[in-house]
Amino acid sequence: MATGRSMLKAHVERDLAMVSTTRMQALRELVLANNPHLADEIDEITDLQLLILVKASIGSDPTADPVETKQMMAFFDRLIEEKRQSATKH
């Protein structure tokens, strides 16, 4: 997942604002590109589930730089919390 990880890192660094619909679609496409077996289910996965899935894949990469991984995990923790809070408001 080195290429996918690099693409994800670039995506994350581009904008640390709230997760928009367009950004979530781009993240879905990235996940699907790295996990083609999810093709039938990708549209059924909620944004929150998608963020949790990506965070889990980041944390499970044994070849990753530990500092970078910690930063990305913290970023996804914030995104997950934002999604949870926005879900409880609606």
N, C-alpha and C. Protein backbone atom coordinates (compact mmCIF):
# COMPACT_ATOMS: atom_id res chain seq x y z
N MET A 1 0.82 -1.19 0.00
CA MET A 1 0.00 0.00 0.00
C MET A 1 0.86 1.25 0.00
N ALA A 2 2.11 1.13 -0.34
CA ALA A 2 3.00 2.30 -0.33
C ALA A 2 2.50 3.40 -1.25
N THR A 3 2.09 3.05 -2.46
CA THR A 3 1.58 4.06 -3.38
C THR A 3 0.30 4.67 -2.85
N GLY A 4 -0.62 3.84 -2.40
CA GLY A 4 -1.86 4.33 -1.82
C GLY A 4 -1.61 5.19 -0.60
N ARG A 5 -0.65 4.79 0.21
CA ARG A 5 -0.31 5.55 1.41
C ARG A 5 0.25 6.93 1.02
N SER A 6 1.10 6.97 0.00
CA SER A 6 1.64 8.25 -0.46
C SER A 6 0.53 9.14 -1.00
N MET A 7 -0.39 8.55 -1.75
CA MET A 7 -1.51 9.31 -2.28
C MET A 7 -2.38 9.82 -1.13
N LEU A 8 -2.61 8.97 -0.14
CA LEU A 8 -3.42 9.38 1.00
C LEU A 8 -2.75 10.50 1.77
N LYS A 9 -1.45 10.39 1.97
CA LYS A 9 -0.72 11.43 2.70
C LYS A 9 -0.83 12.77 1.96
N ALA A 10 -0.67 12.74 0.65
CA ALA A 10 -0.79 13.97 -0.14
C ALA A 10 -2.20 14.53 -0.02
N HIS A 11 -3.18 13.65 -0.04
CA HIS A 11 -4.57 14.08 0.09
C HIS A 11 -4.81 14.73 1.46
N VAL A 12 -4.29 14.13 2.49
CA VAL A 12 -4.46 14.63 3.86
C VAL A 12 -3.76 15.97 4.03
N GLU A 13 -2.55 16.08 3.51
CA GLU A 13 -1.78 17.31 3.67
C GLU A 13 -2.38 18.48 2.91
N ARG A 14 -3.10 18.19 1.84
CA ARG A 14 -3.67 19.24 1.01
C ARG A 14 -4.64 20.12 1.78
N ASP A 15 -5.42 19.52 2.65
CA ASP A 15 -6.43 20.32 3.32
C ASP A 15 -6.83 19.66 4.63
N LEU A 16 -6.65 20.35 5.72
CA LEU A 16 -6.98 19.79 7.03
C LEU A 16 -8.35 20.27 7.52
N ALA A 17 -9.14 20.84 6.63
CA ALA A 17 -10.47 21.31 7.00
C ALA A 17 -11.43 20.13 7.15
N MET A 18 -12.68 20.44 7.44
CA MET A 18 -13.69 19.39 7.59
C MET A 18 -13.81 18.57 6.31
N VAL A 19 -14.27 17.34 6.46
CA VAL A 19 -14.38 16.42 5.33
C VAL A 19 -15.60 16.79 4.50
N SER A 20 -15.35 17.16 3.25
CA SER A 20 -16.44 17.52 2.35
C SER A 20 -16.90 16.29 1.58
N THR A 21 -18.03 16.41 0.93
CA THR A 21 -18.57 15.32 0.12
C THR A 21 -17.59 14.95 -0.99
N THR A 22 -17.02 15.94 -1.64
CA THR A 22 -16.06 15.69 -2.72
C THR A 22 -14.83 14.96 -2.20
N ARG A 23 -14.34 15.39 -1.06
CA ARG A 23 -13.17 14.76 -0.47
C ARG A 23 -13.48 13.32 -0.06
N MET A 24 -14.67 13.09 0.47
CA MET A 24 -15.04 11.73 0.85
C MET A 24 -15.15 10.84 -0.39
N GLN A 25 -15.64 11.38 -1.50
CA GLN A 25 -15.72 10.59 -2.73
C GLN A 25 -14.31 10.25 -3.22
N ALA A 26 -13.40 11.19 -3.13
CA ALA A 26 -12.01 10.93 -3.53
C ALA A 26 -11.40 9.85 -2.62
N LEU A 27 -11.71 9.91 -1.34
CA LEU A 27 -11.20 8.91 -0.40
C LEU A 27 -11.79 7.54 -0.72
N ARG A 28 -13.07 7.50 -1.07
CA ARG A 28 -13.71 6.23 -1.48
C ARG A 28 -12.99 5.65 -2.70
N GLU A 29 -12.69 6.50 -3.67
CA GLU A 29 -12.02 6.04 -4.88
C GLU A 29 -10.62 5.50 -4.57
N LEU A 30 -9.93 6.17 -3.65
CA LEU A 30 -8.60 5.71 -3.24
C LEU A 30 -8.69 4.36 -2.54
N VAL A 31 -9.64 4.21 -1.64
CA VAL A 31 -9.83 2.94 -0.94
C VAL A 31 -10.17 1.85 -1.94
N LEU A 32 -11.05 2.14 -2.86
CA LEU A 32 -11.44 1.15 -3.87
C LEU A 32 -10.27 0.76 -4.76
N ALA A 33 -9.43 1.73 -5.11
CA ALA A 33 -8.26 1.44 -5.95
C ALA A 33 -7.30 0.48 -5.24
N ASN A 34 -7.21 0.59 -3.92
CA ASN A 34 -6.31 -0.27 -3.15
C ASN A 34 -7.00 -1.52 -2.62
N ASN A 35 -8.33 -1.57 -2.72
CA ASN A 35 -9.11 -2.70 -2.21
C ASN A 35 -10.23 -3.04 -3.19
N PRO A 36 -9.89 -3.54 -4.39
CA PRO A 36 -10.92 -3.79 -5.40
C PRO A 36 -12.00 -4.78 -4.95
N HIS A 37 -11.68 -5.60 -3.95
CA HIS A 37 -12.67 -6.56 -3.45
C HIS A 37 -13.85 -5.86 -2.76
N LEU A 38 -13.73 -4.55 -2.48
CA LEU A 38 -14.82 -3.80 -1.86
C LEU A 38 -15.77 -3.16 -2.88
N ALA A 39 -15.58 -3.46 -4.15
CA ALA A 39 -16.35 -2.80 -5.21
C ALA A 39 -17.86 -2.89 -5.00
N ASP A 40 -18.34 -4.05 -4.56
CA ASP A 40 -19.78 -4.22 -4.39
C ASP A 40 -20.31 -3.51 -3.15
N GLU A 41 -19.45 -3.26 -2.17
CA GLU A 41 -19.91 -2.68 -0.91
C GLU A 41 -19.54 -1.22 -0.70
N ILE A 42 -18.68 -0.66 -1.53
CA ILE A 42 -18.13 0.68 -1.27
C ILE A 42 -19.22 1.75 -1.14
N ASP A 43 -20.28 1.64 -1.91
CA ASP A 43 -21.34 2.65 -1.84
C ASP A 43 -22.22 2.50 -0.60
N GLU A 44 -22.17 1.34 0.03
CA GLU A 44 -22.97 1.10 1.22
C GLU A 44 -22.23 1.48 2.50
N ILE A 45 -20.94 1.72 2.39
CA ILE A 45 -20.13 2.08 3.55
C ILE A 45 -20.38 3.55 3.86
N THR A 46 -20.72 3.84 5.11
CA THR A 46 -20.95 5.24 5.50
C THR A 46 -19.62 5.99 5.54
N ASP A 47 -19.69 7.31 5.54
CA ASP A 47 -18.47 8.11 5.63
C ASP A 47 -17.71 7.79 6.91
N LEU A 48 -18.42 7.63 8.00
CA LEU A 48 -17.76 7.31 9.27
C LEU A 48 -17.06 5.96 9.19
N GLN A 49 -17.73 4.96 8.64
CA GLN A 49 -17.12 3.65 8.47
C GLN A 49 -15.89 3.73 7.58
N LEU A 50 -15.98 4.53 6.53
CA LEU A 50 -14.86 4.70 5.61
C LEU A 50 -13.64 5.29 6.33
N LEU A 51 -13.88 6.32 7.13
CA LEU A 51 -12.78 6.94 7.89
C LEU A 51 -12.15 5.95 8.86
N ILE A 52 -12.97 5.15 9.51
CA ILE A 52 -12.46 4.14 10.45
C ILE A 52 -11.66 3.08 9.70
N LEU A 53 -12.15 2.67 8.54
CA LEU A 53 -11.44 1.69 7.72
C LEU A 53 -10.06 2.20 7.30
N VAL A 54 -10.01 3.44 6.85
CA VAL A 54 -8.74 4.03 6.42
C VAL A 54 -7.79 4.16 7.62
N LYS A 55 -8.31 4.60 8.75
CA LYS A 55 -7.47 4.73 9.94
C LYS A 55 -6.88 3.38 10.34
N ALA A 56 -7.70 2.34 10.28
CA ALA A 56 -7.22 1.00 10.62
C ALA A 56 -6.12 0.54 9.67
N SER A 57 -6.27 0.86 8.38
CA SER A 57 -5.24 0.44 7.42
C SER A 57 -3.94 1.21 7.63
N ILE A 58 -4.05 2.46 8.04
CA ILE A 58 -2.85 3.26 8.32
C ILE A 58 -2.11 2.66 9.52
N GLY A 59 -2.85 2.32 10.54
CA GLY A 59 -2.25 1.79 11.76
C GLY A 59 -1.70 0.40 11.62
N SER A 60 -2.10 -0.32 10.58
CA SER A 60 -1.65 -1.71 10.42
C SER A 60 -0.48 -1.87 9.46
N ASP A 61 0.08 -0.78 8.97
CA ASP A 61 1.19 -0.85 8.01
C ASP A 61 2.52 -0.93 8.77
N PRO A 62 3.13 -2.12 8.85
CA PRO A 62 4.37 -2.27 9.62
C PRO A 62 5.58 -1.57 8.99
N THR A 63 5.48 -1.21 7.72
CA THR A 63 6.62 -0.58 7.04
C THR A 63 6.58 0.95 7.14
N ALA A 64 5.53 1.48 7.73
CA ALA A 64 5.34 2.93 7.77
C ALA A 64 6.23 3.59 8.81
N ASP A 65 6.53 4.84 8.55
CA ASP A 65 7.27 5.66 9.50
C ASP A 65 6.39 5.88 10.73
N PRO A 66 6.87 5.57 11.94
CA PRO A 66 6.03 5.68 13.13
C PRO A 66 5.54 7.10 13.42
N VAL A 67 6.36 8.09 13.15
CA VAL A 67 5.96 9.48 13.40
C VAL A 67 4.85 9.88 12.43
N GLU A 68 5.05 9.56 11.17
CA GLU A 68 4.04 9.86 10.16
C GLU A 68 2.73 9.13 10.48
N THR A 69 2.85 7.88 10.87
CA THR A 69 1.66 7.10 11.22
C THR A 69 0.91 7.74 12.38
N LYS A 70 1.63 8.17 13.39
CA LYS A 70 1.00 8.80 14.56
C LYS A 70 0.28 10.08 14.14
N GLN A 71 0.89 10.87 13.28
CA GLN A 71 0.27 12.11 12.80
C GLN A 71 -0.99 11.82 12.00
N MET A 72 -0.91 10.84 11.11
CA MET A 72 -2.07 10.51 10.29
C MET A 72 -3.19 9.91 11.14
N MET A 73 -2.83 9.10 12.13
CA MET A 73 -3.84 8.52 13.02
C MET A 73 -4.55 9.63 13.79
N ALA A 74 -3.80 10.61 14.26
CA ALA A 74 -4.40 11.73 14.99
C ALA A 74 -5.33 12.53 14.07
N PHE A 75 -4.91 12.72 12.85
CA PHE A 75 -5.74 13.44 11.88
C PHE A 75 -7.05 12.69 11.66
N PHE A 76 -6.98 11.38 11.46
CA PHE A 76 -8.20 10.61 11.24
C PHE A 76 -9.05 10.53 12.50
N ASP A 77 -8.43 10.54 13.67
CA ASP A 77 -9.21 10.61 14.91
C ASP A 77 -10.07 11.87 14.93
N ARG A 78 -9.48 13.01 14.53
CA ARG A 78 -10.23 14.27 14.47
C ARG A 78 -11.37 14.19 13.45
N LEU A 79 -11.08 13.63 12.27
CA LEU A 79 -12.13 13.51 11.24
C LEU A 79 -13.27 12.61 11.72
N ILE A 80 -12.92 11.52 12.38
CA ILE A 80 -13.92 10.59 12.88
C ILE A 80 -14.79 11.28 13.93
N GLU A 81 -14.16 12.02 14.82
CA GLU A 81 -14.91 12.74 15.86
C GLU A 81 -15.84 13.78 15.23
N GLU A 82 -15.35 14.50 14.22
CA GLU A 82 -16.19 15.49 13.52
C GLU A 82 -17.40 14.81 12.88
N LYS A 83 -17.17 13.67 12.25
CA LYS A 83 -18.27 12.94 11.61
C LYS A 83 -19.28 12.47 12.66
N ARG A 84 -18.78 11.97 13.78
CA ARG A 84 -19.69 11.52 14.85
C ARG A 84 -20.51 12.68 15.39
N GLN A 85 -19.87 13.82 15.60
CA GLN A 85 -20.59 14.99 16.12
C GLN A 85 -21.62 15.49 15.10
N SER A 86 -21.25 15.53 13.84
CA SER A 86 -22.20 16.01 12.83
C SER A 86 -23.37 15.03 12.68
N ALA A 87 -23.12 13.75 12.90
CA ALA A 87 -24.19 12.75 12.80
C ALA A 87 -25.18 12.89 13.94
N THR A 88 -24.71 13.28 15.12
CA THR A 88 -25.62 13.42 16.26
C THR A 88 -26.42 14.72 16.19
N LYS A 89 -25.96 15.67 15.40
CA LYS A 89 -26.67 16.94 15.24
C LYS A 89 -27.85 16.81 14.30
N HIS A 90 -27.83 15.79 13.43
CA HIS A 90 -28.90 15.66 12.42
C HIS A 90 -29.95 14.70 12.87
